[in-house]
Amino acid sequence: MKYENLMLRSLFVACLLVCTLVLGAMLKSFPAPAGMASSGTVANALLASPAQCALPADGVICPRQPG
């Protein structure tokens, strides 16, 4: 019984450690668009965006481009 208790306790500690590390990484990470919006200009944002819609242009999801 002590062996099973030790195994369950160590598994709990390992899972708690992994969850803490993942949560800490999610809270401390800064995505690229947030960094660009805080220190970039509108011209940089327009140059970084795609010229065409990545999804199929069905008129509902992506607006139709003129021409």
C-alpha atoms as a PDB file:
ATOM      1  CA  MET A   1       0.000   0.000   0.000  1.00  0.00           C
ATOM      2  CA  LYS A   2       2.852   2.406   0.704  1.00  0.00           C
ATOM      3  CA  TYR A   3       4.300   1.830  -2.777  1.00  0.00           C
ATOM      4  CA  GLU A   4       1.010   2.709  -4.490  1.00  0.00           C
ATOM      5  CA  ASN A   5       0.593   5.763  -2.264  1.00  0.00           C
ATOM      6  CA  LEU A   6       4.109   6.937  -3.134  1.00  0.00           C
ATOM      7  CA  MET A   7       3.475   6.421  -6.851  1.00  0.00           C
ATOM      8  CA  LEU A   8       0.176   8.328  -6.760  1.00  0.00           C
ATOM      9  CA  ARG A   9       1.703  11.159  -4.756  1.00  0.00           C
ATOM     10  CA  SER A  10       4.655  11.481  -7.151  1.00  0.00           C
ATOM     11  CA  LEU A  11       2.292  11.416 -10.145  1.00  0.00           C
ATOM     12  CA  PHE A  12       0.223  14.173  -8.556  1.00  0.00           C
ATOM     13  CA  VAL A  13       3.334  16.293  -7.952  1.00  0.00           C
ATOM     14  CA  ALA A  14       4.548  15.721 -11.516  1.00  0.00           C
ATOM     15  CA  CYS A  15       1.156  16.701 -12.986  1.00  0.00           C
ATOM     16  CA  LEU A  16       0.976  19.764 -10.770  1.00  0.00           C
ATOM     17  CA  LEU A  17       4.456  20.815 -11.865  1.00  0.00           C
ATOM     18  CA  VAL A  18       3.623  20.399 -15.555  1.00  0.00           C
ATOM     19  CA  CYS A  19       0.369  22.346 -15.200  1.00  0.00           C
ATOM     20  CA  THR A  20       2.165  25.144 -13.363  1.00  0.00           C
ATOM     21  CA  LEU A  21       4.865  25.368 -16.017  1.00  0.00           C
ATOM     22  CA  VAL A  22       2.314  25.447 -18.857  1.00  0.00           C
ATOM     23  CA  LEU A  23       0.206  28.095 -17.126  1.00  0.00           C
ATOM     24  CA  GLY A  24       3.289  30.193 -16.435  1.00  0.00           C
ATOM     25  CA  ALA A  25       4.390  29.944 -20.061  1.00  0.00           C
ATOM     26  CA  MET A  26       0.943  31.015 -21.260  1.00  0.00           C
ATOM     27  CA  LEU A  27       0.838  34.005 -18.941  1.00  0.00           C
ATOM     28  CA  LYS A  28       4.352  35.227 -19.717  1.00  0.00           C
ATOM     29  CA  SER A  29       4.283  34.830 -23.506  1.00  0.00           C
ATOM     30  CA  PHE A  30       3.624  37.790 -25.768  1.00  0.00           C
ATOM     31  CA  PRO A  31       2.252  36.960 -29.224  1.00  0.00           C
ATOM     32  CA  ALA A  32       3.746  38.639 -32.275  1.00  0.00           C
ATOM     33  CA  PRO A  33       0.694  40.812 -33.129  1.00  0.00           C
ATOM     34  CA  ALA A  34       0.656  42.317 -29.634  1.00  0.00           C
ATOM     35  CA  GLY A  35       4.317  43.226 -29.890  1.00  0.00           C
ATOM     36  CA  MET A  36       3.861  44.684 -33.352  1.00  0.00           C
ATOM     37  CA  ALA A  37       0.837  46.738 -32.312  1.00  0.00           C
ATOM     38  CA  SER A  38       2.647  48.267 -29.379  1.00  0.00           C
ATOM     39  CA  SER A  39       5.828  49.299 -31.181  1.00  0.00           C
ATOM     40  CA  GLY A  40       4.959  49.405 -34.889  1.00  0.00           C
ATOM     41  CA  THR A  41       3.231  51.772 -37.246  1.00  0.00           C
ATOM     42  CA  VAL A  42       0.183  51.309 -39.423  1.00  0.00           C
ATOM     43  CA  ALA A  43       2.378  50.879 -42.506  1.00  0.00           C
ATOM     44  CA  ASN A  44       4.219  47.980 -40.878  1.00  0.00           C
ATOM     45  CA  ALA A  45       0.923  46.351 -39.947  1.00  0.00           C
ATOM     46  CA  LEU A  46      -0.400  46.695 -43.500  1.00  0.00           C
ATOM     47  CA  LEU A  47       2.786  45.267 -44.976  1.00  0.00           C
ATOM     48  CA  ALA A  48       2.632  42.286 -42.631  1.00  0.00           C
ATOM     49  CA  SER A  49      -0.985  41.438 -43.499  1.00  0.00           C
ATOM     50  CA  PRO A  50      -1.695  39.245 -46.534  1.00  0.00           C
ATOM     51  CA  ALA A  51      -2.895  40.933 -49.701  1.00  0.00           C
ATOM     52  CA  GLN A  52      -5.587  38.331 -50.304  1.00  0.00           C
ATOM     53  CA  CYS A  53      -7.863  36.390 -48.018  1.00  0.00           C
ATOM     54  CA  ALA A  54      -6.413  33.039 -46.962  1.00  0.00           C
ATOM     55  CA  LEU A  55      -9.897  31.492 -46.928  1.00  0.00           C
ATOM     56  CA  PRO A  56     -11.942  30.880 -50.090  1.00  0.00           C
ATOM     57  CA  ALA A  57     -13.702  34.048 -51.197  1.00  0.00           C
ATOM     58  CA  ASP A  58     -17.338  32.986 -50.944  1.00  0.00           C
ATOM     59  CA  GLY A  59     -18.623  36.458 -50.202  1.00  0.00           C
ATOM     60  CA  VAL A  60     -19.531  35.608 -46.599  1.00  0.00           C
ATOM     61  CA  ILE A  61     -16.245  34.965 -44.836  1.00  0.00           C
ATOM     62  CA  CYS A  62     -13.895  37.021 -47.003  1.00  0.00           C
ATOM     63  CA  PRO A  63     -14.968  40.177 -48.814  1.00  0.00           C
ATOM     64  CA  ARG A  64     -14.525  40.082 -52.572  1.00  0.00           C
ATOM     65  CA  GLN A  65     -11.538  42.029 -53.838  1.00  0.00           C
ATOM     66  CA  PRO A  66     -12.256  44.545 -56.616  1.00  0.00           C
ATOM     67  CA  GLY A  67     -10.883  43.627 -60.023  1.00  0.00           C
END
